[in-house]
C-alpha atoms as a PDB file:
ATOM      1  CA  UNK A   1       0.000   0.000   0.000  1.00  0.00           C
ATOM      2  CA  UNK A   2       1.273   3.303  -0.973  1.00  0.00           C
ATOM      3  CA  UNK A   3       0.800   6.022   1.562  1.00  0.00           C
ATOM      4  CA  UNK A   4      -0.945   9.072   0.195  1.00  0.00           C
ATOM      5  CA  UNK A   5       0.926  12.340   0.347  1.00  0.00           C
ATOM      6  CA  UNK A   6      -0.307  15.941   0.021  1.00  0.00           C
ATOM      7  CA  UNK A   7       1.904  18.160  -2.163  1.00  0.00           C
ATOM      8  CA  UNK A   8       2.135  21.756  -1.070  1.00  0.00           C
ATOM      9  CA  UNK A   9       2.505  24.625  -3.634  1.00  0.00           C
ATOM     10  CA  UNK A  10       3.670  27.082  -1.045  1.00  0.00           C
ATOM     11  CA  UNK A  11       7.164  28.257  -1.729  1.00  0.00           C
ATOM     12  CA  UNK A  12       9.565  27.841   1.062  1.00  0.00           C
ATOM     13  CA  UNK A  13      10.396  30.854   3.051  1.00  0.00           C
ATOM     14  CA  UNK A  14      13.726  32.267   1.984  1.00  0.00           C
ATOM     15  CA  UNK A  15      15.459  35.611   2.297  1.00  0.00           C
ATOM     16  CA  UNK A  16      16.136  35.461  -1.441  1.00  0.00           C
ATOM     17  CA  UNK A  17      12.434  35.127  -2.308  1.00  0.00           C
ATOM     18  CA  UNK A  18      10.414  38.030  -0.948  1.00  0.00           C
ATOM     19  CA  UNK A  19       6.734  37.617  -0.341  1.00  0.00           C
ATOM     20  CA  UNK A  20       4.769  37.813  -3.667  1.00  0.00           C
ATOM     21  CA  UNK A  21       1.961  39.603  -1.869  1.00  0.00           C
ATOM     22  CA  UNK A  22       4.331  42.413  -1.018  1.00  0.00           C
ATOM     23  CA  UNK A  23       5.574  42.608  -4.642  1.00  0.00           C
ATOM     24  CA  UNK A  24       2.036  42.963  -6.038  1.00  0.00           C
ATOM     25  CA  UNK A  25       1.070  45.722  -3.606  1.00  0.00           C
ATOM     26  CA  UNK A  26       4.269  47.676  -4.239  1.00  0.00           C
ATOM     27  CA  UNK A  27       3.867  47.391  -8.033  1.00  0.00           C
ATOM     28  CA  UNK A  28       0.280  48.666  -7.921  1.00  0.00           C
ATOM     29  CA  UNK A  29       1.320  51.574  -5.726  1.00  0.00           C
ATOM     30  CA  UNK A  30       4.202  52.469  -8.068  1.00  0.00           C
ATOM     31  CA  UNK A  31       1.947  52.194 -11.139  1.00  0.00           C
ATOM     32  CA  UNK A  32      -0.694  54.417  -9.547  1.00  0.00           C
ATOM     33  CA  UNK A  33       1.883  57.056  -8.625  1.00  0.00           C
ATOM     34  CA  UNK A  34       3.423  57.043 -12.112  1.00  0.00           C
ATOM     35  CA  UNK A  35       0.034  57.364 -13.795  1.00  0.00           C
ATOM     36  CA  UNK A  36      -1.008  60.263 -11.597  1.00  0.00           C
ATOM     37  CA  UNK A  37       2.284  62.073 -12.195  1.00  0.00           C
ATOM     38  CA  UNK A  38       2.019  61.544 -15.945  1.00  0.00           C
ATOM     39  CA  UNK A  39      -1.532  62.904 -16.066  1.00  0.00           C
ATOM     40  CA  UNK A  40      -0.565  65.918 -13.976  1.00  0.00           C
ATOM     41  CA  UNK A  41       2.354  66.778 -16.252  1.00  0.00           C
ATOM     42  CA  UNK A  42       0.472  66.184 -19.490  1.00  0.00           C
ATOM     43  CA  UNK A  43      -2.631  68.252 -18.576  1.00  0.00           C
ATOM     44  CA  UNK A  44      -2.137  71.959 -19.451  1.00  0.00           C
ATOM     45  CA  UNK A  45      -2.190  74.529 -16.705  1.00  0.00           C
ATOM     46  CA  UNK A  46      -5.431  76.484 -16.748  1.00  0.00           C
ATOM     47  CA  UNK A  47      -4.605  80.113 -17.602  1.00  0.00           C
ATOM     48  CA  UNK A  48      -6.135  82.695 -15.296  1.00  0.00           C
ATOM     49  CA  UNK A  49      -8.729  84.894 -17.066  1.00  0.00           C
ATOM     50  CA  UNK A  50      -7.627  88.482 -17.672  1.00  0.00           C
ATOM     51  CA  UNK A  51      -9.006  91.039 -15.230  1.00  0.00           C
ATOM     52  CA  UNK A  52     -12.075  92.990 -16.425  1.00  0.00           C
ATOM     53  CA  UNK A  53     -11.531  96.540 -17.701  1.00  0.00           C
ATOM     54  CA  UNK A  54     -11.399  99.126 -14.936  1.00  0.00           C
ATOM     55  CA  UNK A  55     -14.566 101.161 -15.419  1.00  0.00           C
ATOM     56  CA  UNK A  56     -14.271 103.070 -12.167  1.00  0.00           C
ATOM     57  CA  UNK A  57     -15.648 106.584 -12.717  1.00  0.00           C
ATOM     58  CA  UNK A  58     -12.882 109.019 -11.849  1.00  0.00           C
ATOM     59  CA  UNK A  59     -14.353 112.252 -13.247  1.00  0.00           C
ATOM     60  CA  UNK A  60     -17.743 113.780 -13.962  1.00  0.00           C
ATOM     61  CA  UNK A  61     -18.473 116.199 -16.808  1.00  0.00           C
ATOM     62  CA  UNK A  62     -21.657 118.107 -17.567  1.00  0.00           C
ATOM     63  CA  UNK A  63     -22.898 119.063 -21.031  1.00  0.00           C
ATOM     64  CA  UNK A  64     -25.885 121.315 -21.650  1.00  0.00           C
ATOM     65  CA  UNK A  65     -27.608 120.932 -25.032  1.00  0.00           C
ATOM     66  CA  UNK A  66     -29.827 123.520 -26.704  1.00  0.00           C
ATOM     67  CA  UNK A  67     -31.540 124.281 -30.013  1.00  0.00           C
ATOM     68  CA  UNK A  68     -31.021 127.570 -31.862  1.00  0.00           C
ATOM     69  CA  UNK A  69     -33.931 127.972 -34.329  1.00  0.00           C
ATOM     70  CA  UNK A  70     -32.459 130.994 -36.148  1.00  0.00           C
ATOM     71  CA  UNK A  71     -28.795 130.073 -36.499  1.00  0.00           C
ATOM     72  CA  UNK A  72     -28.813 129.157 -40.173  1.00  0.00           C
ATOM     73  CA  UNK A  73     -30.797 132.256 -41.117  1.00  0.00           C
ATOM     74  CA  UNK A  74     -28.844 134.676 -38.931  1.00  0.00           C
ATOM     75  CA  UNK A  75     -25.054 134.682 -39.356  1.00  0.00           C
ATOM     76  CA  UNK A  76     -24.562 137.741 -37.112  1.00  0.00           C
ATOM     77  CA  UNK A  77     -23.933 135.420 -34.168  1.00  0.00           C
ATOM     78  CA  UNK A  78     -20.251 135.442 -35.018  1.00  0.00           C
ATOM     79  CA  UNK A  79     -18.331 132.394 -33.872  1.00  0.00           C
ATOM     80  CA  UNK A  80     -20.320 131.676 -30.717  1.00  0.00           C
ATOM     81  CA  UNK A  81     -23.499 129.647 -31.021  1.00  0.00           C
ATOM     82  CA  UNK A  82     -23.870 130.000 -27.268  1.00  0.00           C
ATOM     83  CA  UNK A  83     -24.854 133.635 -27.899  1.00  0.00           C
ATOM     84  CA  UNK A  84     -28.089 132.545 -29.606  1.00  0.00           C
ATOM     85  CA  UNK A  85     -30.708 134.876 -28.107  1.00  0.00           C
ATOM     86  CA  UNK A  86     -33.691 132.605 -28.678  1.00  0.00           C
ATOM     87  CA  UNK A  87     -32.098 129.275 -27.800  1.00  0.00           C
ATOM     88  CA  UNK A  88     -34.308 126.539 -26.422  1.00  0.00           C
ATOM     89  CA  UNK A  89     -32.622 124.338 -23.775  1.00  0.00           C
ATOM     90  CA  UNK A  90     -32.925 120.587 -24.186  1.00  0.00           C
ATOM     91  CA  UNK A  91     -31.329 119.605 -20.884  1.00  0.00           C
ATOM     92  CA  UNK A  92     -28.122 118.500 -19.219  1.00  0.00           C
ATOM     93  CA  UNK A  93     -26.055 115.345 -19.500  1.00  0.00           C
ATOM     94  CA  UNK A  94     -23.778 114.220 -16.684  1.00  0.00           C
ATOM     95  CA  UNK A  95     -21.005 112.003 -18.030  1.00  0.00           C
ATOM     96  CA  UNK A  96     -18.881 109.644 -15.942  1.00  0.00           C
ATOM     97  CA  UNK A  97     -15.373 109.102 -17.326  1.00  0.00           C
ATOM     98  CA  UNK A  98     -13.104 106.038 -17.039  1.00  0.00           C
ATOM     99  CA  UNK A  99      -9.871 107.775 -16.117  1.00  0.00           C
ATOM    100  CA  UNK A 100      -8.117 104.604 -14.954  1.00  0.00           C
ATOM    101  CA  UNK A 101      -8.804 102.752 -18.192  1.00  0.00           C
ATOM    102  CA  UNK A 102      -7.927 105.436 -20.774  1.00  0.00           C
ATOM    103  CA  UNK A 103      -6.305 108.373 -18.936  1.00  0.00           C
ATOM    104  CA  UNK A 104      -5.074 110.241 -22.044  1.00  0.00           C
ATOM    105  CA  UNK A 105      -8.474 110.150 -23.764  1.00  0.00           C
ATOM    106  CA  UNK A 106     -10.206 111.297 -20.590  1.00  0.00           C
ATOM    107  CA  UNK A 107      -7.658 114.075 -19.958  1.00  0.00           C
ATOM    108  CA  UNK A 108      -8.063 115.509 -23.470  1.00  0.00           C
ATOM    109  CA  UNK A 109     -11.851 115.330 -23.270  1.00  0.00           C
ATOM    110  CA  UNK A 110     -11.845 117.126 -19.911  1.00  0.00           C
ATOM    111  CA  UNK A 111      -9.599 119.857 -21.324  1.00  0.00           C
ATOM    112  CA  UNK A 112     -12.035 120.407 -24.190  1.00  0.00           C
ATOM    113  CA  UNK A 113     -14.933 120.662 -21.745  1.00  0.00           C
ATOM    114  CA  UNK A 114     -13.313 122.935 -19.163  1.00  0.00           C
ATOM    115  CA  UNK A 115     -11.690 125.262 -21.687  1.00  0.00           C
ATOM    116  CA  UNK A 116      -8.198 124.679 -20.306  1.00  0.00           C
ATOM    117  CA  UNK A 117      -6.974 123.955 -23.846  1.00  0.00           C
ATOM    118  CA  UNK A 118      -6.882 126.411 -26.724  1.00  0.00           C
ATOM    119  CA  UNK A 119     -10.251 125.076 -27.876  1.00  0.00           C
ATOM    120  CA  UNK A 120     -13.615 124.043 -26.412  1.00  0.00           C
ATOM    121  CA  UNK A 121     -16.793 122.134 -27.196  1.00  0.00           C
ATOM    122  CA  UNK A 122     -18.833 125.060 -25.893  1.00  0.00           C
ATOM    123  CA  UNK A 123     -20.938 126.628 -28.640  1.00  0.00           C
ATOM    124  CA  UNK A 124     -20.405 123.834 -31.201  1.00  0.00           C
ATOM    125  CA  UNK A 125     -22.849 121.661 -33.124  1.00  0.00           C
ATOM    126  CA  UNK A 126     -24.115 118.135 -32.958  1.00  0.00           C
ATOM    127  CA  UNK A 127     -23.364 117.624 -36.639  1.00  0.00           C
ATOM    128  CA  UNK A 128     -24.421 114.031 -37.271  1.00  0.00           C
ATOM    129  CA  UNK A 129     -27.329 111.947 -35.985  1.00  0.00           C
ATOM    130  CA  UNK A 130     -27.923 108.321 -36.930  1.00  0.00           C
ATOM    131  CA  UNK A 131     -31.464 107.412 -35.807  1.00  0.00           C
ATOM    132  CA  UNK A 132     -31.598 104.495 -33.408  1.00  0.00           C
ATOM    133  CA  UNK A 133     -27.804 104.385 -33.098  1.00  0.00           C
ATOM    134  CA  UNK A 134     -25.751 107.431 -32.022  1.00  0.00           C
ATOM    135  CA  UNK A 135     -25.055 111.132 -32.504  1.00  0.00           C
ATOM    136  CA  UNK A 136     -21.693 112.777 -33.187  1.00  0.00           C
ATOM    137  CA  UNK A 137     -20.278 116.102 -31.953  1.00  0.00           C
ATOM    138  CA  UNK A 138     -16.909 117.825 -31.777  1.00  0.00           C
ATOM    139  CA  UNK A 139     -16.078 118.017 -35.470  1.00  0.00           C
ATOM    140  CA  UNK A 140     -13.088 120.296 -36.122  1.00  0.00           C
ATOM    141  CA  UNK A 141     -13.274 123.168 -38.572  1.00  0.00           C
ATOM    142  CA  UNK A 142     -14.530 126.756 -38.557  1.00  0.00           C
ATOM    143  CA  UNK A 143     -16.122 128.327 -35.518  1.00  0.00           C
ATOM    144  CA  UNK A 144     -18.468 130.390 -37.695  1.00  0.00           C
ATOM    145  CA  UNK A 145     -19.937 127.072 -38.853  1.00  0.00           C
ATOM    146  CA  UNK A 146     -20.437 125.860 -35.316  1.00  0.00           C
ATOM    147  CA  UNK A 147     -17.410 123.543 -35.513  1.00  0.00           C
ATOM    148  CA  UNK A 148     -14.611 123.029 -32.991  1.00  0.00           C
ATOM    149  CA  UNK A 149     -11.485 125.110 -33.334  1.00  0.00           C
ATOM    150  CA  UNK A 150      -8.633 122.611 -33.894  1.00  0.00           C
ATOM    151  CA  UNK A 151      -6.795 122.216 -30.573  1.00  0.00           C
ATOM    152  CA  UNK A 152      -3.033 122.546 -30.698  1.00  0.00           C
ATOM    153  CA  UNK A 153      -1.950 122.025 -27.088  1.00  0.00           C
ATOM    154  CA  UNK A 154      -3.417 118.620 -26.225  1.00  0.00           C
ATOM    155  CA  UNK A 155      -1.272 115.593 -25.449  1.00  0.00           C
ATOM    156  CA  UNK A 156      -0.892 113.191 -28.371  1.00  0.00           C
ATOM    157  CA  UNK A 157      -3.281 110.322 -27.698  1.00  0.00           C
ATOM    158  CA  UNK A 158      -1.226 107.136 -28.030  1.00  0.00           C
ATOM    159  CA  UNK A 159      -4.200 105.116 -26.739  1.00  0.00           C
ATOM    160  CA  UNK A 160      -5.616 105.197 -30.268  1.00  0.00           C
ATOM    161  CA  UNK A 161      -3.104 102.451 -31.153  1.00  0.00           C
ATOM    162  CA  UNK A 162      -3.308 100.553 -27.846  1.00  0.00           C
ATOM    163  CA  UNK A 163      -5.486  97.388 -28.078  1.00  0.00           C
ATOM    164  CA  UNK A 164      -6.387  97.699 -24.378  1.00  0.00           C
ATOM    165  CA  UNK A 165      -8.257 100.939 -25.130  1.00  0.00           C
ATOM    166  CA  UNK A 166     -10.767  99.056 -27.294  1.00  0.00           C
ATOM    167  CA  UNK A 167     -11.893  96.447 -24.761  1.00  0.00           C
ATOM    168  CA  UNK A 168     -15.289  98.023 -24.059  1.00  0.00           C
ATOM    169  CA  UNK A 169     -18.192  97.808 -26.484  1.00  0.00           C
ATOM    170  CA  UNK A 170     -21.085 100.043 -27.493  1.00  0.00           C
ATOM    171  CA  UNK A 171     -23.610  97.753 -25.862  1.00  0.00           C
ATOM    172  CA  UNK A 172     -26.397 100.135 -24.840  1.00  0.00           C
ATOM    173  CA  UNK A 173     -27.640 103.706 -24.869  1.00  0.00           C
ATOM    174  CA  UNK A 174     -25.472 106.301 -23.149  1.00  0.00           C
ATOM    175  CA  UNK A 175     -22.013 105.010 -24.104  1.00  0.00           C
ATOM    176  CA  UNK A 176     -19.520 107.861 -24.662  1.00  0.00           C
ATOM    177  CA  UNK A 177     -16.821 107.109 -27.206  1.00  0.00           C
ATOM    178  CA  UNK A 178     -13.961 108.861 -29.023  1.00  0.00           C
ATOM    179  CA  UNK A 179     -14.620 108.785 -32.768  1.00  0.00           C
ATOM    180  CA  UNK A 180     -11.924 107.091 -34.803  1.00  0.00           C
ATOM    181  CA  UNK A 181     -13.710 105.078 -37.477  1.00  0.00           C
ATOM    182  CA  UNK A 182     -16.651 107.525 -37.607  1.00  0.00           C
ATOM    183  CA  UNK A 183     -14.454 110.617 -37.639  1.00  0.00           C
ATOM    184  CA  UNK A 184     -15.676 113.263 -40.101  1.00  0.00           C
ATOM    185  CA  UNK A 185     -12.923 115.875 -39.765  1.00  0.00           C
ATOM    186  CA  UNK A 186     -11.632 117.334 -43.035  1.00  0.00           C
ATOM    187  CA  UNK A 187      -8.549 115.697 -44.540  1.00  0.00           C
ATOM    188  CA  UNK A 188      -6.734 119.046 -44.611  1.00  0.00           C
ATOM    189  CA  UNK A 189      -7.134 119.336 -40.849  1.00  0.00           C
ATOM    190  CA  UNK A 190      -5.971 115.765 -40.272  1.00  0.00           C
ATOM    191  CA  UNK A 191      -2.758 116.386 -42.244  1.00  0.00           C
ATOM    192  CA  UNK A 192      -1.661 118.971 -39.682  1.00  0.00           C
ATOM    193  CA  UNK A 193       1.185 117.424 -37.633  1.00  0.00           C
ATOM    194  CA  UNK A 194      -0.428 118.902 -34.506  1.00  0.00           C
ATOM    195  CA  UNK A 195      -3.795 117.274 -35.228  1.00  0.00           C
ATOM    196  CA  UNK A 196      -5.573 115.885 -32.159  1.00  0.00           C
ATOM    197  CA  UNK A 197      -8.758 113.882 -32.487  1.00  0.00           C
ATOM    198  CA  UNK A 198     -11.503 115.253 -30.202  1.00  0.00           C
ATOM    199  CA  UNK A 199     -14.658 114.239 -32.089  1.00  0.00           C
ATOM    200  CA  UNK A 200     -16.902 112.059 -29.905  1.00  0.00           C
ATOM    201  CA  UNK A 201     -20.155 110.124 -30.092  1.00  0.00           C
ATOM    202  CA  UNK A 202     -22.881 109.083 -27.666  1.00  0.00           C
ATOM    203  CA  UNK A 203     -25.034 106.046 -28.375  1.00  0.00           C
ATOM    204  CA  UNK A 204     -28.774 106.693 -28.293  1.00  0.00           C
ATOM    205  CA  UNK A 205     -30.168 103.154 -28.252  1.00  0.00           C
ATOM    206  CA  UNK A 206     -32.472 101.388 -28.057  1.00  0.00           C
ATOM    207  CA  UNK A 207     -30.111  98.606 -29.132  1.00  0.00           C
ATOM    208  CA  UNK A 208     -26.315  98.138 -29.198  1.00  0.00           C
ATOM    209  CA  UNK A 209     -24.036  99.389 -31.972  1.00  0.00           C
ATOM    210  CA  UNK A 210     -21.659  96.473 -32.595  1.00  0.00           C
ATOM    211  CA  UNK A 211     -20.368  98.119 -35.795  1.00  0.00           C
ATOM    212  CA  UNK A 212     -18.588 100.654 -33.567  1.00  0.00           C
ATOM    213  CA  UNK A 213     -16.818  98.057 -31.403  1.00  0.00           C
ATOM    214  CA  UNK A 214     -13.033  97.624 -31.687  1.00  0.00           C
ATOM    215  CA  UNK A 215     -12.877 100.827 -33.780  1.00  0.00           C
ATOM    216  CA  UNK A 216     -13.670 103.637 -31.337  1.00  0.00           C
ATOM    217  CA  UNK A 217     -12.473 104.219 -27.773  1.00  0.00           C
ATOM    218  CA  UNK A 218     -15.198 103.947 -25.122  1.00  0.00           C
ATOM    219  CA  UNK A 219     -14.167 106.281 -22.301  1.00  0.00           C
ATOM    220  CA  UNK A 220     -17.336 107.060 -20.365  1.00  0.00           C
ATOM    221  CA  UNK A 221     -21.061 106.683 -19.799  1.00  0.00           C
ATOM    222  CA  UNK A 222     -24.101 108.894 -19.314  1.00  0.00           C
ATOM    223  CA  UNK A 223     -24.882 109.016 -15.578  1.00  0.00           C
ATOM    224  CA  UNK A 224     -27.785 111.442 -15.833  1.00  0.00           C
ATOM    225  CA  UNK A 225     -29.853 112.771 -18.716  1.00  0.00           C
ATOM    226  CA  UNK A 226     -30.710 109.770 -20.873  1.00  0.00           C
ATOM    227  CA  UNK A 227     -34.006 111.538 -21.535  1.00  0.00           C
ATOM    228  CA  UNK A 228     -32.000 114.339 -23.165  1.00  0.00           C
ATOM    229  CA  UNK A 229     -30.230 111.755 -25.322  1.00  0.00           C
ATOM    230  CA  UNK A 230     -33.638 110.412 -26.360  1.00  0.00           C
ATOM    231  CA  UNK A 231     -34.833 113.927 -27.205  1.00  0.00           C
ATOM    232  CA  UNK A 232     -31.798 114.554 -29.421  1.00  0.00           C
ATOM    233  CA  UNK A 233     -32.253 111.157 -31.076  1.00  0.00           C
ATOM    234  CA  UNK A 234     -35.843 112.049 -32.022  1.00  0.00           C
ATOM    235  CA  UNK A 235     -34.833 115.123 -34.049  1.00  0.00           C
ATOM    236  CA  UNK A 236     -35.390 114.544 -37.796  1.00  0.00           C
ATOM    237  CA  UNK A 237     -32.344 114.369 -40.082  1.00  0.00           C
ATOM    238  CA  UNK A 238     -31.629 114.790 -43.771  1.00  0.00           C
ATOM    239  CA  UNK A 239     -31.772 111.374 -45.447  1.00  0.00           C
ATOM    240  CA  UNK A 240     -31.200 111.229 -49.212  1.00  0.00           C
ATOM    241  CA  UNK A 241     -33.321 109.052 -51.441  1.00  0.00           C
ATOM    242  CA  UNK A 242     -32.105 105.783 -52.875  1.00  0.00           C
ATOM    243  CA  UNK A 243     -31.430 107.250 -56.321  1.00  0.00           C
ATOM    244  CA  UNK A 244     -29.286 110.047 -54.856  1.00  0.00           C
ATOM    245  CA  UNK A 245     -27.317 107.474 -52.915  1.00  0.00           C
ATOM    246  CA  UNK A 246     -26.713 105.448 -56.073  1.00  0.00           C
ATOM    247  CA  UNK A 247     -25.512 108.517 -57.986  1.00  0.00           C
ATOM    248  CA  UNK A 248     -23.240 109.416 -55.097  1.00  0.00           C
ATOM    249  CA  UNK A 249     -21.770 105.909 -54.962  1.00  0.00           C
ATOM    250  CA  UNK A 250     -21.064 106.085 -58.685  1.00  0.00           C
ATOM    251  CA  UNK A 251     -19.457 109.510 -58.377  1.00  0.00           C
ATOM    252  CA  UNK A 252     -17.290 108.279 -55.520  1.00  0.00           C
ATOM    253  CA  UNK A 253     -16.258 105.237 -57.559  1.00  0.00           C
ATOM    254  CA  UNK A 254     -15.247 107.534 -60.443  1.00  0.00           C
ATOM    255  CA  UNK A 255     -13.174 109.678 -58.070  1.00  0.00           C
ATOM    256  CA  UNK A 256     -15.413 112.727 -58.129  1.00  0.00           C
ATOM    257  CA  UNK A 257     -14.552 114.765 -55.014  1.00  0.00           C
ATOM    258  CA  UNK A 258     -18.011 116.322 -55.036  1.00  0.00           C
ATOM    259  CA  UNK A 259     -19.384 113.003 -53.789  1.00  0.00           C
ATOM    260  CA  UNK A 260     -17.760 113.508 -50.384  1.00  0.00           C
ATOM    261  CA  UNK A 261     -18.977 117.113 -50.223  1.00  0.00           C
ATOM    262  CA  UNK A 262     -22.526 115.958 -50.932  1.00  0.00           C
ATOM    263  CA  UNK A 263     -22.375 113.299 -48.227  1.00  0.00           C
ATOM    264  CA  UNK A 264     -21.383 115.909 -45.628  1.00  0.00           C
ATOM    265  CA  UNK A 265     -25.040 116.865 -45.175  1.00  0.00           C
ATOM    266  CA  UNK A 266     -26.317 113.286 -44.918  1.00  0.00           C
ATOM    267  CA  UNK A 267     -27.675 112.442 -41.440  1.00  0.00           C
ATOM    268  CA  UNK A 268     -27.425 116.096 -40.468  1.00  0.00           C
ATOM    269  CA  UNK A 269     -30.052 117.190 -37.880  1.00  0.00           C
ATOM    270  CA  UNK A 270     -32.682 119.454 -39.402  1.00  0.00           C
ATOM    271  CA  UNK A 271     -32.585 121.501 -36.196  1.00  0.00           C
ATOM    272  CA  UNK A 272     -29.505 123.329 -34.931  1.00  0.00           C
ATOM    273  CA  UNK A 273     -28.600 121.283 -31.851  1.00  0.00           C
ATOM    274  CA  UNK A 274     -25.492 122.489 -30.057  1.00  0.00           C
ATOM    275  CA  UNK A 275     -23.538 122.272 -26.792  1.00  0.00           C
ATOM    276  CA  UNK A 276     -24.494 125.479 -25.002  1.00  0.00           C
ATOM    277  CA  UNK A 277     -22.247 124.857 -21.987  1.00  0.00           C
ATOM    278  CA  UNK A 278     -19.907 122.226 -20.570  1.00  0.00           C
ATOM    279  CA  UNK A 279     -17.477 121.780 -17.717  1.00  0.00           C
ATOM    280  CA  UNK A 280     -16.329 119.572 -14.854  1.00  0.00           C
ATOM    281  CA  UNK A 281     -18.460 118.690 -11.842  1.00  0.00           C
ATOM    282  CA  UNK A 282     -16.458 118.636  -8.641  1.00  0.00           C
ATOM    283  CA  UNK A 283     -17.612 116.054  -6.095  1.00  0.00           C
ATOM    284  CA  UNK A 284     -16.474 115.233  -2.593  1.00  0.00           C
ATOM    285  CA  UNK A 285     -15.644 111.650  -3.598  1.00  0.00           C
ATOM    286  CA  UNK A 286     -14.508 111.786  -7.237  1.00  0.00           C
ATOM    287  CA  UNK A 287     -14.060 108.004  -7.458  1.00  0.00           C
ATOM    288  CA  UNK A 288     -17.541 106.573  -7.854  1.00  0.00           C
ATOM    289  CA  UNK A 289     -18.766 103.010  -8.151  1.00  0.00           C
ATOM    290  CA  UNK A 290     -17.873 101.197 -11.381  1.00  0.00           C
ATOM    291  CA  UNK A 291     -20.468 101.417 -14.124  1.00  0.00           C
ATOM    292  CA  UNK A 292     -20.000  98.924 -16.941  1.00  0.00           C
ATOM    293  CA  UNK A 293     -21.330  99.942 -20.372  1.00  0.00           C
END
């Protein structure tokens, strides 16, 4: 009779053969650590979003608007529309300016409003009005035409070529912006080496004006007087017929300089709207709460 024997598969304990259990646990731990490290290195670092534009209101400007019903018939007013004897006041705008965002643009605008420069907006026309969009003022030219005397002592505005100055959009009514793409100043004036752009626009609503974005510098907002903006926006303008527009386009294509002269009266208010007074409002706390456009 053979005696039965039970064969054991357990490896003998030996210092040269470490426990397999320990090997498996250590391998899994090493694999897990390697995988985690690889994923951490391969995943891109999330870039922090840029800070929002600083729209803290650092300065406040007032602008009074009026209508002079006899200006175009009576040229004895000289070079000051503000001397119109029978002017009809439309009201006052209070503008908040973003001096931290675009300090040069704000400084030049303030100088034109306070009269500290050699020129001023006082007694000059609102010369263009685009219904449902915006109106334009501050065109440079002849004072006897209600235009702004070209300023010669303002700081050159390098913000006009700074991408950071174009971060804000024309998203609603009451946005105040420096005209660059919509600028209507004469070419002869722009060729002056001392030329400084001071023409500005204010959006009238009711909707946004995305065609102005990334082309004009938003530097402020209307704090008070949106009803005045609405009143100005309701004034009728000269709008040529379709056939006149087609003739003008053809003349422009052929290089006829009279086409540009003819377009100068397009979108012109049929009433003489002008800035009767303007200046800076001093407040106890000049830094007000931010007001995003």
